[in-house]
Amino acid sequence: MKIILDAMGGDYAPKETVLGAIDALKLDKDIKLVLVGKSEAINKQLAECEYDKSRIEIIDAQDEISNDESPTMAIKTKKESSLVKAFEKLSSDEECEAFVSAGSTGAVLVGAFMKVGRIKGVSRPALAPVLPTLDGKGVVLCDCGANVDSKPINLLHFAIMASSYAQAMLGVENPRVGLLNNGVEAHKGNELSKEAYALLSENKDINFVGNCEARDMLSGDFEVVVADGFDGNIALKTAEGTAKLMLKLIKRGVYSSGLKAKLGALMLKPVFKDVQKALDYNAQGGACFLGVKKVVVKAHGASERGAISASILQAKGLAKNKVCEKIKAGIDASAINAED
């Protein structure tokens, strides 16, 4: 399987992206990688690594798209950027089944939409990370920022797409779907939530189990939580910030509580590391952009080699499990047409 990597995307590119690519090649013998970016910088980093040269292809792209630029304008005008060239390769080459980037989120979403295209029937593609849960199985949050203004039909499509994604990513046969809301009762929420609740309840192709309060999002009671991109992004960043706060509070408490606490912390160090790893959803890969014709994975902008490698392997797994085809089948089965 051939996977494309935006070698210039992310805060630590191209060093960490290239190292992550090499790690992925070592971990999975069944992939080939196409690195897109400044060839001189890529080759300089590759020169320090041992790898199978037959499994890496380089496409030179001398331009980059930053987070400060207008995503739509950048995709339209920066023809020599790593993102544009990567998406053109993804769209034109049938052997390329997936794409990974830690670059500008907006540009990745716009590029995937414009260059690769959405699956027929999908009203709007959505960004869906897998977050850690108490039972260790994970939950798909969809949408976490691609659509800040959504309609009820969009939320229904998010639920259908995320259910197919959860089947492929989490191995859950009949994922439980919750609607992010300010209460569990059916009558709670704004007009969008109420109308979406009615649509989700009526659809027999998903396992909708009701509203989900933000505090229960990571409980393990849901495999899919549906939200519009505005609320989903706030929920995601709140969960991320809370996890970081808790780890810092524990660390501060240990170092300010005397020798016994420090000795206890030393003994519990492996446990703390396991907790930290479990809370870091980026270590498991990136957020998949659901609803486009090929697998697109958006890694965190601060991804280092481990997260890049995980995102590449995640992309491979999703392509192998034909998640795009499953999403298309789910949308077709729902017999609901896109409205926008």
C-alpha atoms as a PDB file:
ATOM      1  CA  MET A   1       0.000   0.000   0.000  1.00  0.00           C
ATOM      2  CA  LYS A   2       1.259   3.460  -0.909  1.00  0.00           C
ATOM      3  CA  ILE A   3       0.673   6.306   1.580  1.00  0.00           C
ATOM      4  CA  ILE A   4       1.455   9.982   1.037  1.00  0.00           C
ATOM      5  CA  LEU A   5       3.044  12.056   3.819  1.00  0.00           C
ATOM      6  CA  ASP A   6       3.219  15.843   3.897  1.00  0.00           C
ATOM      7  CA  ALA A   7       6.864  16.007   4.960  1.00  0.00           C
ATOM      8  CA  MET A   8       6.745  19.760   5.592  1.00  0.00           C
ATOM      9  CA  GLY A   9       3.609  19.742   7.758  1.00  0.00           C
ATOM     10  CA  GLY A  10       3.846  20.304  11.513  1.00  0.00           C
ATOM     11  CA  ASP A  11       5.888  22.234  14.038  1.00  0.00           C
ATOM     12  CA  TYR A  12       8.880  19.898  13.835  1.00  0.00           C
ATOM     13  CA  ALA A  13       9.001  19.167  10.107  1.00  0.00           C
ATOM     14  CA  PRO A  14      10.845  17.853   8.237  1.00  0.00           C
ATOM     15  CA  LYS A  15      12.974  16.156  10.899  1.00  0.00           C
ATOM     16  CA  GLU A  16      10.193  14.515  12.912  1.00  0.00           C
ATOM     17  CA  THR A  17       8.019  13.738   9.892  1.00  0.00           C
ATOM     18  CA  VAL A  18      10.877  11.963   8.129  1.00  0.00           C
ATOM     19  CA  LEU A  19      11.886  10.070  11.281  1.00  0.00           C
ATOM     20  CA  GLY A  20       8.265   9.082  11.789  1.00  0.00           C
ATOM     21  CA  ALA A  21       8.123   7.836   8.209  1.00  0.00           C
ATOM     22  CA  ILE A  22      11.211   5.675   8.735  1.00  0.00           C
ATOM     23  CA  ASP A  23       9.728   4.264  11.951  1.00  0.00           C
ATOM     24  CA  ALA A  24       6.506   3.385  10.116  1.00  0.00           C
ATOM     25  CA  LEU A  25       8.441   1.568   7.391  1.00  0.00           C
ATOM     26  CA  LYS A  26      10.220  -0.496  10.021  1.00  0.00           C
ATOM     27  CA  LEU A  27       6.989  -1.342  11.818  1.00  0.00           C
ATOM     28  CA  ASP A  28       5.020  -2.320   8.716  1.00  0.00           C
ATOM     29  CA  LYS A  29       6.658  -4.109   5.789  1.00  0.00           C
ATOM     30  CA  ASP A  30       3.561  -3.760   3.612  1.00  0.00           C
ATOM     31  CA  ILE A  31       3.649   0.006   3.024  1.00  0.00           C
ATOM     32  CA  LYS A  32       5.470   2.375   0.718  1.00  0.00           C
ATOM     33  CA  LEU A  33       5.645   6.097   1.392  1.00  0.00           C
ATOM     34  CA  VAL A  34       5.541   9.159  -0.822  1.00  0.00           C
ATOM     35  CA  LEU A  35       7.202  12.105   0.951  1.00  0.00           C
ATOM     36  CA  VAL A  36       6.159  15.483  -0.422  1.00  0.00           C
ATOM     37  CA  GLY A  37       8.152  18.598   0.396  1.00  0.00           C
ATOM     38  CA  LYS A  38      11.501  20.286  -0.092  1.00  0.00           C
ATOM     39  CA  SER A  39      13.575  17.452  -1.521  1.00  0.00           C
ATOM     40  CA  GLU A  40      16.899  18.848  -0.315  1.00  0.00           C
ATOM     41  CA  ALA A  41      15.692  19.011   3.298  1.00  0.00           C
ATOM     42  CA  ILE A  42      14.058  15.582   3.072  1.00  0.00           C
ATOM     43  CA  ASN A  43      17.156  13.937   1.566  1.00  0.00           C
ATOM     44  CA  LYS A  44      19.370  15.576   4.175  1.00  0.00           C
ATOM     45  CA  GLN A  45      17.338  13.964   6.944  1.00  0.00           C
ATOM     46  CA  LEU A  46      17.110  10.628   5.125  1.00  0.00           C
ATOM     47  CA  ALA A  47      20.902  10.557   4.779  1.00  0.00           C
ATOM     48  CA  GLU A  48      21.120  10.066   8.544  1.00  0.00           C
ATOM     49  CA  CYS A  49      18.760   7.064   8.495  1.00  0.00           C
ATOM     50  CA  GLU A  50      18.906   3.437   7.474  1.00  0.00           C
ATOM     51  CA  TYR A  51      15.918   2.399   5.377  1.00  0.00           C
ATOM     52  CA  ASP A  52      14.823   0.519   2.269  1.00  0.00           C
ATOM     53  CA  LYS A  53      15.221   3.102  -0.500  1.00  0.00           C
ATOM     54  CA  SER A  54      12.844   1.186  -2.755  1.00  0.00           C
ATOM     55  CA  ARG A  55       9.977   1.954  -0.373  1.00  0.00           C
ATOM     56  CA  ILE A  56      10.282   5.748  -0.402  1.00  0.00           C
ATOM     57  CA  GLU A  57       9.400   8.131  -3.209  1.00  0.00           C
ATOM     58  CA  ILE A  58      10.043  11.876  -2.996  1.00  0.00           C
ATOM     59  CA  ILE A  59       8.016  14.578  -4.725  1.00  0.00           C
ATOM     60  CA  ASP A  60       9.694  17.967  -4.633  1.00  0.00           C
ATOM     61  CA  ALA A  61       7.534  20.875  -3.422  1.00  0.00           C
ATOM     62  CA  GLN A  62       9.341  24.094  -2.643  1.00  0.00           C
ATOM     63  CA  ASP A  63       6.425  25.975  -1.087  1.00  0.00           C
ATOM     64  CA  GLU A  64       4.548  25.594   2.198  1.00  0.00           C
ATOM     65  CA  ILE A  65       1.161  26.648   3.594  1.00  0.00           C
ATOM     66  CA  SER A  66       1.237  28.200   7.049  1.00  0.00           C
ATOM     67  CA  ASN A  67      -1.469  28.306   9.718  1.00  0.00           C
ATOM     68  CA  ASP A  68      -1.814  32.071   9.249  1.00  0.00           C
ATOM     69  CA  GLU A  69      -2.924  31.884   5.622  1.00  0.00           C
ATOM     70  CA  SER A  70      -6.443  31.649   4.253  1.00  0.00           C
ATOM     71  CA  PRO A  71      -6.831  27.903   3.600  1.00  0.00           C
ATOM     72  CA  THR A  72      -9.012  28.301   0.495  1.00  0.00           C
ATOM     73  CA  MET A  73      -6.801  30.961  -1.072  1.00  0.00           C
ATOM     74  CA  ALA A  74      -3.632  29.022  -0.267  1.00  0.00           C
ATOM     75  CA  ILE A  75      -4.922  25.789  -1.823  1.00  0.00           C
ATOM     76  CA  LYS A  76      -6.029  27.709  -4.940  1.00  0.00           C
ATOM     77  CA  THR A  77      -2.841  29.732  -5.432  1.00  0.00           C
ATOM     78  CA  LYS A  78       0.072  27.799  -3.922  1.00  0.00           C
ATOM     79  CA  LYS A  79       0.438  25.161  -6.637  1.00  0.00           C
ATOM     80  CA  GLU A  80       3.999  24.295  -5.555  1.00  0.00           C
ATOM     81  CA  SER A  81       3.131  23.726  -1.889  1.00  0.00           C
ATOM     82  CA  SER A  82       3.583  20.316  -0.311  1.00  0.00           C
ATOM     83  CA  LEU A  83      -0.132  20.073   0.510  1.00  0.00           C
ATOM     84  CA  VAL A  84      -1.377  20.870  -3.000  1.00  0.00           C
ATOM     85  CA  LYS A  85       1.105  18.521  -4.658  1.00  0.00           C
ATOM     86  CA  ALA A  86       0.290  15.788  -2.144  1.00  0.00           C
ATOM     87  CA  PHE A  87      -3.452  16.043  -2.770  1.00  0.00           C
ATOM     88  CA  GLU A  88      -2.928  16.069  -6.541  1.00  0.00           C
ATOM     89  CA  LYS A  89      -0.915  12.870  -6.200  1.00  0.00           C
ATOM     90  CA  LEU A  90      -3.571  11.326  -3.939  1.00  0.00           C
ATOM     91  CA  SER A  91      -6.311  12.193  -6.400  1.00  0.00           C
ATOM     92  CA  SER A  92      -4.542  11.065  -9.583  1.00  0.00           C
ATOM     93  CA  ASP A  93      -2.653   7.952  -8.449  1.00  0.00           C
ATOM     94  CA  GLU A  94      -4.866   4.925  -7.791  1.00  0.00           C
ATOM     95  CA  GLU A  95      -2.035   3.187  -5.933  1.00  0.00           C
ATOM     96  CA  CYS A  96      -2.024   5.947  -3.301  1.00  0.00           C
ATOM     97  CA  GLU A  97      -4.738   5.051  -0.810  1.00  0.00           C
ATOM     98  CA  ALA A  98      -4.175   7.453   2.074  1.00  0.00           C
ATOM     99  CA  PHE A  99      -2.646  10.776   3.100  1.00  0.00           C
ATOM    100  CA  VAL A 100      -1.193  12.073   6.384  1.00  0.00           C
ATOM    101  CA  SER A 101      -0.329  15.638   7.355  1.00  0.00           C
ATOM    102  CA  ALA A 102       0.440  17.540  10.567  1.00  0.00           C
ATOM    103  CA  GLY A 103       0.146  20.845   8.708  1.00  0.00           C
ATOM    104  CA  SER A 104      -2.524  23.551   8.733  1.00  0.00           C
ATOM    105  CA  THR A 105      -5.838  21.956   9.703  1.00  0.00           C
ATOM    106  CA  GLY A 106      -7.852  24.368   7.581  1.00  0.00           C
ATOM    107  CA  ALA A 107      -5.672  23.806   4.526  1.00  0.00           C
ATOM    108  CA  VAL A 108      -5.819  20.015   4.925  1.00  0.00           C
ATOM    109  CA  LEU A 109      -9.620  20.100   5.114  1.00  0.00           C
ATOM    110  CA  VAL A 110     -10.032  22.486   2.189  1.00  0.00           C
ATOM    111  CA  GLY A 111      -7.475  20.592   0.118  1.00  0.00           C
ATOM    112  CA  ALA A 112      -9.137  17.243   0.743  1.00  0.00           C
ATOM    113  CA  PHE A 113     -12.538  18.687  -0.125  1.00  0.00           C
ATOM    114  CA  MET A 114     -11.409  20.517  -3.269  1.00  0.00           C
ATOM    115  CA  LYS A 115      -8.761  18.151  -4.650  1.00  0.00           C
ATOM    116  CA  VAL A 116      -9.996  14.712  -3.577  1.00  0.00           C
ATOM    117  CA  GLY A 117     -13.736  15.369  -3.358  1.00  0.00           C
ATOM    118  CA  ARG A 118     -16.466  14.264  -1.000  1.00  0.00           C
ATOM    119  CA  ILE A 119     -18.317  10.988  -1.160  1.00  0.00           C
ATOM    120  CA  LYS A 120     -21.596  11.315  -3.052  1.00  0.00           C
ATOM    121  CA  GLY A 121     -24.454  11.926  -0.646  1.00  0.00           C
ATOM    122  CA  VAL A 122     -22.307  13.322   2.185  1.00  0.00           C
ATOM    123  CA  SER A 123     -23.608  16.771   3.097  1.00  0.00           C
ATOM    124  CA  ARG A 124     -20.346  17.826   4.771  1.00  0.00           C
ATOM    125  CA  PRO A 125     -17.135  15.964   5.609  1.00  0.00           C
ATOM    126  CA  ALA A 126     -16.130  16.029   9.286  1.00  0.00           C
ATOM    127  CA  LEU A 127     -13.029  15.678  11.440  1.00  0.00           C
ATOM    128  CA  ALA A 128     -13.075  12.732  13.845  1.00  0.00           C
ATOM    129  CA  PRO A 129     -10.397  11.928  16.449  1.00  0.00           C
ATOM    130  CA  VAL A 130     -10.539   8.830  18.656  1.00  0.00           C
ATOM    131  CA  LEU A 131     -10.404   9.828  22.325  1.00  0.00           C
ATOM    132  CA  PRO A 132      -9.447   7.601  25.284  1.00  0.00           C
ATOM    133  CA  THR A 133     -12.204   6.132  27.450  1.00  0.00           C
ATOM    134  CA  LEU A 134     -12.321   4.517  30.881  1.00  0.00           C
ATOM    135  CA  ASP A 135     -12.667   1.037  29.389  1.00  0.00           C
ATOM    136  CA  GLY A 136      -9.694   1.584  27.077  1.00  0.00           C
ATOM    137  CA  LYS A 137     -11.684   1.065  23.870  1.00  0.00           C
ATOM    138  CA  GLY A 138     -11.957   4.694  22.772  1.00  0.00           C
ATOM    139  CA  VAL A 139     -14.714   6.950  21.441  1.00  0.00           C
ATOM    140  CA  VAL A 140     -14.994   8.721  18.082  1.00  0.00           C
ATOM    141  CA  LEU A 141     -15.823  12.432  18.396  1.00  0.00           C
ATOM    142  CA  CYS A 142     -17.384  13.745  15.186  1.00  0.00           C
ATOM    143  CA  ASP A 143     -17.137  16.663  14.352  1.00  0.00           C
ATOM    144  CA  CYS A 144     -14.272  18.335  16.237  1.00  0.00           C
ATOM    145  CA  GLY A 145     -13.807  21.474  14.173  1.00  0.00           C
ATOM    146  CA  ALA A 146     -14.389  21.136  10.442  1.00  0.00           C
ATOM    147  CA  ASN A 147     -17.909  22.633  10.528  1.00  0.00           C
ATOM    148  CA  VAL A 148     -18.589  25.362  13.064  1.00  0.00           C
ATOM    149  CA  ASP A 149     -22.134  25.904  11.750  1.00  0.00           C
ATOM    150  CA  SER A 150     -24.036  22.684  11.145  1.00  0.00           C
ATOM    151  CA  LYS A 151     -27.563  21.625  10.225  1.00  0.00           C
ATOM    152  CA  PRO A 152     -29.450  18.627  11.629  1.00  0.00           C
ATOM    153  CA  ILE A 153     -28.847  16.650   8.418  1.00  0.00           C
ATOM    154  CA  ASN A 154     -25.108  17.208   8.854  1.00  0.00           C
ATOM    155  CA  LEU A 155     -25.193  15.719  12.347  1.00  0.00           C
ATOM    156  CA  LEU A 156     -27.056  12.686  11.036  1.00  0.00           C
ATOM    157  CA  HIS A 157     -24.387  12.207   8.370  1.00  0.00           C
ATOM    158  CA  PHE A 158     -21.679  12.622  11.024  1.00  0.00           C
ATOM    159  CA  ALA A 159     -23.320   9.808  13.003  1.00  0.00           C
ATOM    160  CA  ILE A 160     -23.489   7.501   9.975  1.00  0.00           C
ATOM    161  CA  MET A 161     -19.880   8.212   8.966  1.00  0.00           C
ATOM    162  CA  ALA A 162     -18.505   7.964  12.497  1.00  0.00           C
ATOM    163  CA  SER A 163     -20.319   4.663  13.043  1.00  0.00           C
ATOM    164  CA  SER A 164     -18.580   3.198   9.975  1.00  0.00           C
ATOM    165  CA  TYR A 165     -15.306   4.665  11.215  1.00  0.00           C
ATOM    166  CA  ALA A 166     -15.765   3.166  14.698  1.00  0.00           C
ATOM    167  CA  GLN A 167     -16.407  -0.239  13.156  1.00  0.00           C
ATOM    168  CA  ALA A 168     -13.133   0.005  11.207  1.00  0.00           C
ATOM    169  CA  MET A 169     -11.015   1.761  13.837  1.00  0.00           C
ATOM    170  CA  LEU A 170     -12.338   0.317  17.100  1.00  0.00           C
ATOM    171  CA  GLY A 171     -13.615  -3.021  15.851  1.00  0.00           C
ATOM    172  CA  VAL A 172     -17.097  -2.400  17.280  1.00  0.00           C
ATOM    173  CA  GLU A 173     -19.896  -4.121  15.368  1.00  0.00           C
ATOM    174  CA  ASN A 174     -22.792  -1.878  16.461  1.00  0.00           C
ATOM    175  CA  PRO A 175     -21.318   1.340  17.921  1.00  0.00           C
ATOM    176  CA  ARG A 176     -23.467   3.273  20.369  1.00  0.00           C
ATOM    177  CA  VAL A 177     -24.040   6.840  19.191  1.00  0.00           C
ATOM    178  CA  GLY A 178     -24.602   9.763  21.544  1.00  0.00           C
ATOM    179  CA  LEU A 179     -25.467  13.378  20.713  1.00  0.00           C
ATOM    180  CA  LEU A 180     -23.371  15.910  22.650  1.00  0.00           C
ATOM    181  CA  ASN A 181     -25.810  18.055  24.602  1.00  0.00           C
ATOM    182  CA  ASN A 182     -26.342  19.966  27.839  1.00  0.00           C
ATOM    183  CA  GLY A 183     -28.568  17.249  29.299  1.00  0.00           C
ATOM    184  CA  VAL A 184     -29.576  13.653  28.725  1.00  0.00           C
ATOM    185  CA  GLU A 185     -33.303  14.368  28.350  1.00  0.00           C
ATOM    186  CA  ALA A 186     -34.694  14.350  24.798  1.00  0.00           C
ATOM    187  CA  HIS A 187     -36.178  17.840  25.154  1.00  0.00           C
ATOM    188  CA  LYS A 188     -32.876  19.463  26.223  1.00  0.00           C
ATOM    189  CA  GLY A 189     -30.676  21.612  23.993  1.00  0.00           C
ATOM    190  CA  ASN A 190     -30.997  24.276  21.318  1.00  0.00           C
ATOM    191  CA  GLU A 191     -33.032  23.947  18.124  1.00  0.00           C
ATOM    192  CA  LEU A 192     -30.164  22.224  16.310  1.00  0.00           C
ATOM    193  CA  SER A 193     -29.858  19.607  19.054  1.00  0.00           C
ATOM    194  CA  LYS A 194     -33.607  18.952  19.213  1.00  0.00           C
ATOM    195  CA  GLU A 195     -33.987  18.564  15.448  1.00  0.00           C
ATOM    196  CA  ALA A 196     -30.859  16.414  15.235  1.00  0.00           C
ATOM    197  CA  TYR A 197     -32.158  14.237  18.086  1.00  0.00           C
ATOM    198  CA  ALA A 198     -35.343  13.560  16.127  1.00  0.00           C
ATOM    199  CA  LEU A 199     -33.411  12.631  12.955  1.00  0.00           C
ATOM    200  CA  LEU A 200     -31.004  10.363  14.827  1.00  0.00           C
ATOM    201  CA  SER A 201     -33.864   8.646  16.666  1.00  0.00           C
ATOM    202  CA  GLU A 202     -35.715   7.911  13.428  1.00  0.00           C
ATOM    203  CA  ASN A 203     -32.741   6.461  11.578  1.00  0.00           C
ATOM    204  CA  LYS A 204     -32.531   2.680  11.864  1.00  0.00           C
ATOM    205  CA  ASP A 205     -29.047   2.396  10.319  1.00  0.00           C
ATOM    206  CA  ILE A 206     -27.320   3.688  13.452  1.00  0.00           C
ATOM    207  CA  ASN A 207     -27.463   2.655  17.108  1.00  0.00           C
ATOM    208  CA  PHE A 208     -28.528   5.982  18.612  1.00  0.00           C
ATOM    209  CA  VAL A 209     -28.752   5.764  22.408  1.00  0.00           C
ATOM    210  CA  GLY A 210     -29.609   9.374  23.271  1.00  0.00           C
ATOM    211  CA  ASN A 211     -27.956  12.566  24.432  1.00  0.00           C
ATOM    212  CA  CYS A 212     -24.461  12.615  25.920  1.00  0.00           C
ATOM    213  CA  GLU A 213     -23.371  15.216  28.436  1.00  0.00           C
ATOM    214  CA  ALA A 214     -19.766  16.367  28.063  1.00  0.00           C
ATOM    215  CA  ARG A 215     -18.799  14.806  31.399  1.00  0.00           C
ATOM    216  CA  ASP A 216     -19.810  11.378  30.048  1.00  0.00           C
ATOM    217  CA  MET A 217     -18.033  11.670  26.710  1.00  0.00           C
ATOM    218  CA  LEU A 218     -15.060   9.578  27.870  1.00  0.00           C
ATOM    219  CA  SER A 219     -17.044   7.248  30.129  1.00  0.00           C
ATOM    220  CA  GLY A 220     -17.057   4.290  27.751  1.00  0.00           C
ATOM    221  CA  ASP A 221     -20.862   4.418  27.435  1.00  0.00           C
ATOM    222  CA  PHE A 222     -20.543   5.559  23.807  1.00  0.00           C
ATOM    223  CA  GLU A 223     -18.372   4.538  20.859  1.00  0.00           C
ATOM    224  CA  VAL A 224     -19.449   7.619  18.869  1.00  0.00           C
ATOM    225  CA  VAL A 225     -20.283  11.128  20.101  1.00  0.00           C
ATOM    226  CA  VAL A 226     -21.769  13.475  17.494  1.00  0.00           C
ATOM    227  CA  ALA A 227     -21.467  17.251  17.685  1.00  0.00           C
ATOM    228  CA  ASP A 228     -21.293  20.256  15.445  1.00  0.00           C
ATOM    229  CA  GLY A 229     -17.695  21.390  14.913  1.00  0.00           C
ATOM    230  CA  PHE A 230     -17.965  24.362  17.276  1.00  0.00           C
ATOM    231  CA  ASP A 231     -19.153  22.404  20.316  1.00  0.00           C
ATOM    232  CA  GLY A 232     -17.012  19.396  19.417  1.00  0.00           C
ATOM    233  CA  ASN A 233     -13.852  21.464  19.263  1.00  0.00           C
ATOM    234  CA  ILE A 234     -14.580  23.054  22.646  1.00  0.00           C
ATOM    235  CA  ALA A 235     -15.257  19.632  24.165  1.00  0.00           C
ATOM    236  CA  LEU A 236     -12.047  18.212  22.688  1.00  0.00           C
ATOM    237  CA  LYS A 237      -9.839  21.045  23.919  1.00  0.00           C
ATOM    238  CA  THR A 238     -11.507  21.059  27.329  1.00  0.00           C
ATOM    239  CA  ALA A 239     -10.816  17.341  27.736  1.00  0.00           C
ATOM    240  CA  GLU A 240      -7.239  17.813  26.571  1.00  0.00           C
ATOM    241  CA  GLY A 241      -6.675  20.749  28.915  1.00  0.00           C
ATOM    242  CA  THR A 242      -8.227  18.923  31.879  1.00  0.00           C
ATOM    243  CA  ALA A 243      -5.956  15.931  31.335  1.00  0.00           C
ATOM    244  CA  LYS A 244      -2.873  18.162  31.294  1.00  0.00           C
ATOM    245  CA  LEU A 245      -4.075  20.022  34.403  1.00  0.00           C
ATOM    246  CA  MET A 246      -4.612  16.814  36.369  1.00  0.00           C
ATOM    247  CA  LEU A 247      -1.134  15.520  35.537  1.00  0.00           C
ATOM    248  CA  LYS A 248       0.427  18.841  36.560  1.00  0.00           C
ATOM    249  CA  LEU A 249      -1.547  18.933  39.824  1.00  0.00           C
ATOM    250  CA  ILE A 250      -0.409  15.405  40.702  1.00  0.00           C
ATOM    251  CA  LYS A 251       3.199  16.292  39.923  1.00  0.00           C
ATOM    252  CA  ARG A 252       3.038  19.507  41.960  1.00  0.00           C
ATOM    253  CA  GLY A 253       1.386  17.704  44.864  1.00  0.00           C
ATOM    254  CA  VAL A 254       4.097  15.044  44.906  1.00  0.00           C
ATOM    255  CA  TYR A 255       7.002  17.486  44.916  1.00  0.00           C
ATOM    256  CA  SER A 256       5.474  19.705  47.590  1.00  0.00           C
ATOM    257  CA  SER A 257       4.497  16.958  50.042  1.00  0.00           C
ATOM    258  CA  GLY A 258       7.798  15.717  51.399  1.00  0.00           C
ATOM    259  CA  LEU A 259       9.931  12.609  51.167  1.00  0.00           C
ATOM    260  CA  LYS A 260       7.185  10.010  51.622  1.00  0.00           C
ATOM    261  CA  ALA A 261       5.193  11.388  48.708  1.00  0.00           C
ATOM    262  CA  LYS A 262       8.295  11.420  46.507  1.00  0.00           C
ATOM    263  CA  LEU A 263       9.115   7.815  47.382  1.00  0.00           C
ATOM    264  CA  GLY A 264       5.526   6.828  46.682  1.00  0.00           C
ATOM    265  CA  ALA A 265       5.630   8.655  43.351  1.00  0.00           C
ATOM    266  CA  LEU A 266       8.846   6.868  42.436  1.00  0.00           C
ATOM    267  CA  MET A 267       7.176   3.527  43.021  1.00  0.00           C
ATOM    268  CA  LEU A 268       4.133   4.616  41.010  1.00  0.00           C
ATOM    269  CA  LYS A 269       6.152   6.090  38.144  1.00  0.00           C
ATOM    270  CA  PRO A 270       5.214   3.272  35.702  1.00  0.00           C
ATOM    271  CA  VAL A 271       1.544   3.834  36.539  1.00  0.00           C
ATOM    272  CA  PHE A 272       1.817   7.578  35.908  1.00  0.00           C
ATOM    273  CA  LYS A 273       3.487   6.899  32.561  1.00  0.00           C
ATOM    274  CA  ASP A 274       0.693   4.538  31.571  1.00  0.00           C
ATOM    275  CA  VAL A 275      -1.908   7.142  32.545  1.00  0.00           C
ATOM    276  CA  GLN A 276      -0.107   9.850  30.592  1.00  0.00           C
ATOM    277  CA  LYS A 277       0.090   7.594  27.549  1.00  0.00           C
ATOM    278  CA  ALA A 278      -3.590   6.685  27.803  1.00  0.00           C
ATOM    279  CA  LEU A 279      -4.600  10.360  27.969  1.00  0.00           C
ATOM    280  CA  ASP A 280      -2.494  11.322  24.941  1.00  0.00           C
ATOM    281  CA  TYR A 281      -4.884  10.587  22.080  1.00  0.00           C
ATOM    282  CA  ASN A 282      -2.304  11.881  19.576  1.00  0.00           C
ATOM    283  CA  ALA A 283      -0.045   8.919  20.357  1.00  0.00           C
ATOM    284  CA  GLN A 284      -2.679   6.659  18.764  1.00  0.00           C
ATOM    285  CA  GLY A 285      -2.682   8.617  15.511  1.00  0.00           C
ATOM    286  CA  GLY A 286      -4.516  11.612  14.117  1.00  0.00           C
ATOM    287  CA  ALA A 287      -8.060  12.691  13.366  1.00  0.00           C
ATOM    288  CA  CYS A 288      -9.559  11.165  10.236  1.00  0.00           C
ATOM    289  CA  PHE A 289     -11.362  13.501   7.811  1.00  0.00           C
ATOM    290  CA  LEU A 290     -14.542  11.529   7.171  1.00  0.00           C
ATOM    291  CA  GLY A 291     -16.607  11.937   4.030  1.00  0.00           C
ATOM    292  CA  VAL A 292     -13.929  12.347   1.348  1.00  0.00           C
ATOM    293  CA  LYS A 293     -13.156   9.719  -1.285  1.00  0.00           C
ATOM    294  CA  LYS A 294      -9.811   8.601   0.149  1.00  0.00           C
ATOM    295  CA  VAL A 295      -8.382   8.282   3.655  1.00  0.00           C
ATOM    296  CA  VAL A 296      -7.074  11.616   4.983  1.00  0.00           C
ATOM    297  CA  VAL A 297      -5.551  11.721   8.476  1.00  0.00           C
ATOM    298  CA  LYS A 298      -4.765  15.025  10.184  1.00  0.00           C
ATOM    299  CA  ALA A 299      -2.041  14.586  12.811  1.00  0.00           C
ATOM    300  CA  HIS A 300      -1.562  17.115  15.624  1.00  0.00           C
ATOM    301  CA  GLY A 301       0.581  20.098  14.641  1.00  0.00           C
ATOM    302  CA  ALA A 302       3.023  19.335  17.473  1.00  0.00           C
ATOM    303  CA  SER A 303       3.424  15.692  16.433  1.00  0.00           C
ATOM    304  CA  GLU A 304       6.834  14.140  16.904  1.00  0.00           C
ATOM    305  CA  ARG A 305       8.087  10.976  15.232  1.00  0.00           C
ATOM    306  CA  GLY A 306       5.974   8.597  17.323  1.00  0.00           C
ATOM    307  CA  ALA A 307       2.720  10.381  16.517  1.00  0.00           C
ATOM    308  CA  ILE A 308       3.631  10.664  12.827  1.00  0.00           C
ATOM    309  CA  SER A 309       4.412   6.956  12.673  1.00  0.00           C
ATOM    310  CA  ALA A 310       1.156   6.112  14.463  1.00  0.00           C
ATOM    311  CA  SER A 311      -0.806   8.309  12.044  1.00  0.00           C
ATOM    312  CA  ILE A 312       0.739   6.568   9.030  1.00  0.00           C
ATOM    313  CA  LEU A 313      -0.121   3.130  10.419  1.00  0.00           C
ATOM    314  CA  GLN A 314      -3.599   4.374  11.311  1.00  0.00           C
ATOM    315  CA  ALA A 315      -4.097   5.588   7.732  1.00  0.00           C
ATOM    316  CA  LYS A 316      -2.959   2.217   6.425  1.00  0.00           C
ATOM    317  CA  GLY A 317      -5.389   0.374   8.692  1.00  0.00           C
ATOM    318  CA  LEU A 318      -8.318   2.560   7.638  1.00  0.00           C
ATOM    319  CA  ALA A 319      -7.546   2.119   3.949  1.00  0.00           C
ATOM    320  CA  LYS A 320      -7.149  -1.626   4.419  1.00  0.00           C
ATOM    321  CA  ASN A 321     -10.513  -1.784   6.198  1.00  0.00           C
ATOM    322  CA  LYS A 322     -12.056   0.242   3.347  1.00  0.00           C
ATOM    323  CA  VAL A 323     -13.531   2.856   5.657  1.00  0.00           C
ATOM    324  CA  CYS A 324     -14.391   5.207   2.758  1.00  0.00           C
ATOM    325  CA  GLU A 325     -16.346   2.453   1.008  1.00  0.00           C
ATOM    326  CA  LYS A 326     -18.152   1.644   4.257  1.00  0.00           C
ATOM    327  CA  ILE A 327     -19.076   5.292   4.761  1.00  0.00           C
ATOM    328  CA  LYS A 328     -20.430   5.442   1.206  1.00  0.00           C
ATOM    329  CA  ALA A 329     -22.473   2.298   1.812  1.00  0.00           C
ATOM    330  CA  GLY A 330     -23.840   3.764   5.040  1.00  0.00           C
ATOM    331  CA  ILE A 331     -24.831   7.034   3.368  1.00  0.00           C
ATOM    332  CA  ASP A 332     -26.412   5.175   0.445  1.00  0.00           C
ATOM    333  CA  ALA A 333     -28.364   2.920   2.809  1.00  0.00           C
ATOM    334  CA  SER A 334     -29.762   5.918   4.671  1.00  0.00           C
ATOM    335  CA  ALA A 335     -31.271   7.201   1.403  1.00  0.00           C
ATOM    336  CA  ILE A 336     -30.846  10.786   2.588  1.00  0.00           C
ATOM    337  CA  ASN A 337     -29.558  13.301   0.085  1.00  0.00           C
ATOM    338  CA  ALA A 338     -27.051  16.037   0.824  1.00  0.00           C
ATOM    339  CA  GLU A 339     -28.590  19.451   1.320  1.00  0.00           C
ATOM    340  CA  ASP A 340     -25.525  21.650   0.915  1.00  0.00           C
END
